[in-house]
Amino acid sequence: MSALREGMGRRLAELRRAARLTQEELASLADIDSKYLGAVERGQKNVSFEVLERLIHALKIEPYEPFLFSLKGRKSQPAADEDALLALVRRSDKALRPTLIHVLSEIVRLHQAKK
């Protein structure tokens, strides 16, 4: 298997999990077969730019995000946590985002004050 194909597949799986979607849900949103998506995530199938664009749209992410992986190993847990947090904010209603940012800022401030 190609290291690049495997890395892209792992990254897409991370982004899907961060968005709290199943393979079936993401495949439906991107109008692709769920078995194909599974093969892509396992690094067994290539993904075309057309399909990648649909996945990016379905995941509500920026076009560069599927490429944020290393060929040297897996992503660190803090980076995966950041992806999950960003996915939650992106999925929220735009009117709610300022409130989410304020609440998160207060949590960080209180946590830092405890130190």
C-alpha atoms as a PDB file:
ATOM      1  CA  MET A   1       0.000   0.000   0.000  1.00  0.00           C
ATOM      2  CA  SER A   2       1.058   3.551  -0.641  1.00  0.00           C
ATOM      3  CA  ALA A   3       2.130   5.457   2.478  1.00  0.00           C
ATOM      4  CA  LEU A   4       0.487   8.587   1.086  1.00  0.00           C
ATOM      5  CA  ARG A   5      -2.797   6.777   0.439  1.00  0.00           C
ATOM      6  CA  GLU A   6      -2.705   5.262   3.950  1.00  0.00           C
ATOM      7  CA  GLY A   7      -1.955   8.647   5.542  1.00  0.00           C
ATOM      8  CA  MET A   8      -4.787  10.343   3.686  1.00  0.00           C
ATOM      9  CA  GLY A   9      -7.153   7.528   4.653  1.00  0.00           C
ATOM     10  CA  ARG A  10      -6.196   7.751   8.330  1.00  0.00           C
ATOM     11  CA  ARG A  11      -6.625  11.525   8.249  1.00  0.00           C
ATOM     12  CA  LEU A  12     -10.065  11.303   6.643  1.00  0.00           C
ATOM     13  CA  ALA A  13     -11.095   8.788   9.296  1.00  0.00           C
ATOM     14  CA  GLU A  14      -9.857  11.156  12.045  1.00  0.00           C
ATOM     15  CA  LEU A  15     -11.802  14.045  10.547  1.00  0.00           C
ATOM     16  CA  ARG A  16     -14.923  11.891  10.228  1.00  0.00           C
ATOM     17  CA  ARG A  17     -14.699  10.787  13.860  1.00  0.00           C
ATOM     18  CA  ALA A  18     -14.041  14.386  14.967  1.00  0.00           C
ATOM     19  CA  ALA A  19     -17.258  15.351  13.184  1.00  0.00           C
ATOM     20  CA  ARG A  20     -18.978  12.496  15.072  1.00  0.00           C
ATOM     21  CA  LEU A  21     -20.134  10.832  11.874  1.00  0.00           C
ATOM     22  CA  THR A  22     -20.269   7.148  11.014  1.00  0.00           C
ATOM     23  CA  GLN A  23     -18.862   5.940   7.716  1.00  0.00           C
ATOM     24  CA  GLU A  24     -22.413   5.425   6.520  1.00  0.00           C
ATOM     25  CA  GLU A  25     -23.452   8.971   7.467  1.00  0.00           C
ATOM     26  CA  LEU A  26     -20.429  10.585   5.808  1.00  0.00           C
ATOM     27  CA  ALA A  27     -20.787   8.421   2.712  1.00  0.00           C
ATOM     28  CA  SER A  28     -24.427   9.457   2.400  1.00  0.00           C
ATOM     29  CA  LEU A  29     -23.579  13.160   2.821  1.00  0.00           C
ATOM     30  CA  ALA A  30     -20.803  12.886   0.214  1.00  0.00           C
ATOM     31  CA  ASP A  31     -22.896  10.721  -2.124  1.00  0.00           C
ATOM     32  CA  ILE A  32     -20.396   7.847  -2.175  1.00  0.00           C
ATOM     33  CA  ASP A  33     -20.654   4.187  -1.227  1.00  0.00           C
ATOM     34  CA  SER A  34     -19.865   3.458   2.440  1.00  0.00           C
ATOM     35  CA  LYS A  35     -17.766   0.415   1.484  1.00  0.00           C
ATOM     36  CA  TYR A  36     -15.681   2.638  -0.787  1.00  0.00           C
ATOM     37  CA  LEU A  37     -15.234   5.147   2.053  1.00  0.00           C
ATOM     38  CA  GLY A  38     -14.115   2.329   4.339  1.00  0.00           C
ATOM     39  CA  ALA A  39     -11.554   1.200   1.757  1.00  0.00           C
ATOM     40  CA  VAL A  40     -10.312   4.799   1.393  1.00  0.00           C
ATOM     41  CA  GLU A  41      -9.949   5.142   5.176  1.00  0.00           C
ATOM     42  CA  ARG A  42      -7.998   1.860   5.316  1.00  0.00           C
ATOM     43  CA  GLY A  43      -5.691   3.083   2.553  1.00  0.00           C
ATOM     44  CA  GLN A  44      -6.880   0.425   0.127  1.00  0.00           C
ATOM     45  CA  LYS A  45      -8.452   2.764  -2.454  1.00  0.00           C
ATOM     46  CA  ASN A  46      -7.412   6.073  -3.946  1.00  0.00           C
ATOM     47  CA  VAL A  47      -9.674   9.076  -3.632  1.00  0.00           C
ATOM     48  CA  SER A  48     -10.258  11.350  -6.625  1.00  0.00           C
ATOM     49  CA  PHE A  49     -10.262  15.124  -6.297  1.00  0.00           C
ATOM     50  CA  GLU A  50     -13.993  15.083  -7.069  1.00  0.00           C
ATOM     51  CA  VAL A  51     -14.717  12.691  -4.194  1.00  0.00           C
ATOM     52  CA  LEU A  52     -12.276  14.520  -1.922  1.00  0.00           C
ATOM     53  CA  GLU A  53     -14.131  17.769  -2.632  1.00  0.00           C
ATOM     54  CA  ARG A  54     -17.438  16.129  -1.686  1.00  0.00           C
ATOM     55  CA  LEU A  55     -15.921  14.760   1.530  1.00  0.00           C
ATOM     56  CA  ILE A  56     -14.510  18.200   2.412  1.00  0.00           C
ATOM     57  CA  HIS A  57     -17.929  19.756   1.855  1.00  0.00           C
ATOM     58  CA  ALA A  58     -19.712  17.027   3.857  1.00  0.00           C
ATOM     59  CA  LEU A  59     -17.243  17.343   6.758  1.00  0.00           C
ATOM     60  CA  LYS A  60     -17.503  21.158   6.672  1.00  0.00           C
ATOM     61  CA  ILE A  61     -13.724  21.518   6.748  1.00  0.00           C
ATOM     62  CA  GLU A  62     -11.155  23.582   4.891  1.00  0.00           C
ATOM     63  CA  PRO A  63      -9.603  22.044   1.755  1.00  0.00           C
ATOM     64  CA  TYR A  64      -6.134  21.743   3.312  1.00  0.00           C
ATOM     65  CA  GLU A  65      -7.265  19.756   6.367  1.00  0.00           C
ATOM     66  CA  PRO A  66      -7.271  16.261   4.802  1.00  0.00           C
ATOM     67  CA  PHE A  67      -3.582  16.813   3.994  1.00  0.00           C
ATOM     68  CA  LEU A  68      -2.529  17.516   7.586  1.00  0.00           C
ATOM     69  CA  PHE A  69      -0.860  14.200   8.306  1.00  0.00           C
ATOM     70  CA  SER A  70       2.642  12.889   8.617  1.00  0.00           C
ATOM     71  CA  LEU A  71       4.071   9.986   6.686  1.00  0.00           C
ATOM     72  CA  LYS A  72       6.199   9.301   9.775  1.00  0.00           C
ATOM     73  CA  GLY A  73       3.379   8.285  12.107  1.00  0.00           C
ATOM     74  CA  ARG A  74       0.023   8.940  13.643  1.00  0.00           C
ATOM     75  CA  LYS A  75      -1.272  12.288  14.759  1.00  0.00           C
ATOM     76  CA  SER A  76      -0.782  13.180  18.401  1.00  0.00           C
ATOM     77  CA  GLN A  77      -3.802  13.091  20.703  1.00  0.00           C
ATOM     78  CA  PRO A  78      -3.742  16.866  21.352  1.00  0.00           C
ATOM     79  CA  ALA A  79      -3.993  17.522  17.607  1.00  0.00           C
ATOM     80  CA  ALA A  80      -6.865  15.032  17.302  1.00  0.00           C
ATOM     81  CA  ASP A  81      -8.612  16.775  20.217  1.00  0.00           C
ATOM     82  CA  GLU A  82      -8.244  20.115  18.436  1.00  0.00           C
ATOM     83  CA  ASP A  83      -9.851  18.601  15.342  1.00  0.00           C
ATOM     84  CA  ALA A  84     -12.793  17.373  17.431  1.00  0.00           C
ATOM     85  CA  LEU A  85     -13.226  20.803  19.016  1.00  0.00           C
ATOM     86  CA  LEU A  86     -13.113  22.563  15.647  1.00  0.00           C
ATOM     87  CA  ALA A  87     -15.625  20.109  14.218  1.00  0.00           C
ATOM     88  CA  LEU A  88     -18.053  20.849  17.065  1.00  0.00           C
ATOM     89  CA  VAL A  89     -17.782  24.601  16.492  1.00  0.00           C
ATOM     90  CA  ARG A  90     -18.191  24.204  12.727  1.00  0.00           C
ATOM     91  CA  ARG A  91     -21.308  22.081  13.159  1.00  0.00           C
ATOM     92  CA  SER A  92     -22.891  24.635  15.492  1.00  0.00           C
ATOM     93  CA  ASP A  93     -25.286  27.315  14.365  1.00  0.00           C
ATOM     94  CA  LYS A  94     -23.359  30.435  13.307  1.00  0.00           C
ATOM     95  CA  ALA A  95     -25.368  32.573  15.727  1.00  0.00           C
ATOM     96  CA  LEU A  96     -24.252  30.300  18.587  1.00  0.00           C
ATOM     97  CA  ARG A  97     -20.519  30.474  17.799  1.00  0.00           C
ATOM     98  CA  PRO A  98     -19.747  33.711  19.697  1.00  0.00           C
ATOM     99  CA  THR A  99     -21.323  32.156  22.800  1.00  0.00           C
ATOM    100  CA  LEU A 100     -19.318  28.957  22.342  1.00  0.00           C
ATOM    101  CA  ILE A 101     -16.108  30.946  21.990  1.00  0.00           C
ATOM    102  CA  HIS A 102     -16.936  32.981  25.101  1.00  0.00           C
ATOM    103  CA  VAL A 103     -17.715  29.852  27.159  1.00  0.00           C
ATOM    104  CA  LEU A 104     -14.529  28.103  26.019  1.00  0.00           C
ATOM    105  CA  SER A 105     -12.487  31.224  26.743  1.00  0.00           C
ATOM    106  CA  GLU A 106     -13.898  31.350  30.266  1.00  0.00           C
ATOM    107  CA  ILE A 107     -13.132  27.659  30.831  1.00  0.00           C
ATOM    108  CA  VAL A 108      -9.533  28.203  29.711  1.00  0.00           C
ATOM    109  CA  ARG A 109      -9.236  31.321  31.887  1.00  0.00           C
ATOM    110  CA  LEU A 110     -10.569  29.498  34.964  1.00  0.00           C
ATOM    111  CA  HIS A 111      -8.302  26.533  34.333  1.00  0.00           C
ATOM    112  CA  GLN A 112      -5.260  28.790  34.018  1.00  0.00           C
ATOM    113  CA  ALA A 113      -6.227  30.649  37.203  1.00  0.00           C
ATOM    114  CA  LYS A 114      -6.150  27.339  39.117  1.00  0.00           C
ATOM    115  CA  LYS A 115      -2.501  26.759  38.176  1.00  0.00           C
END
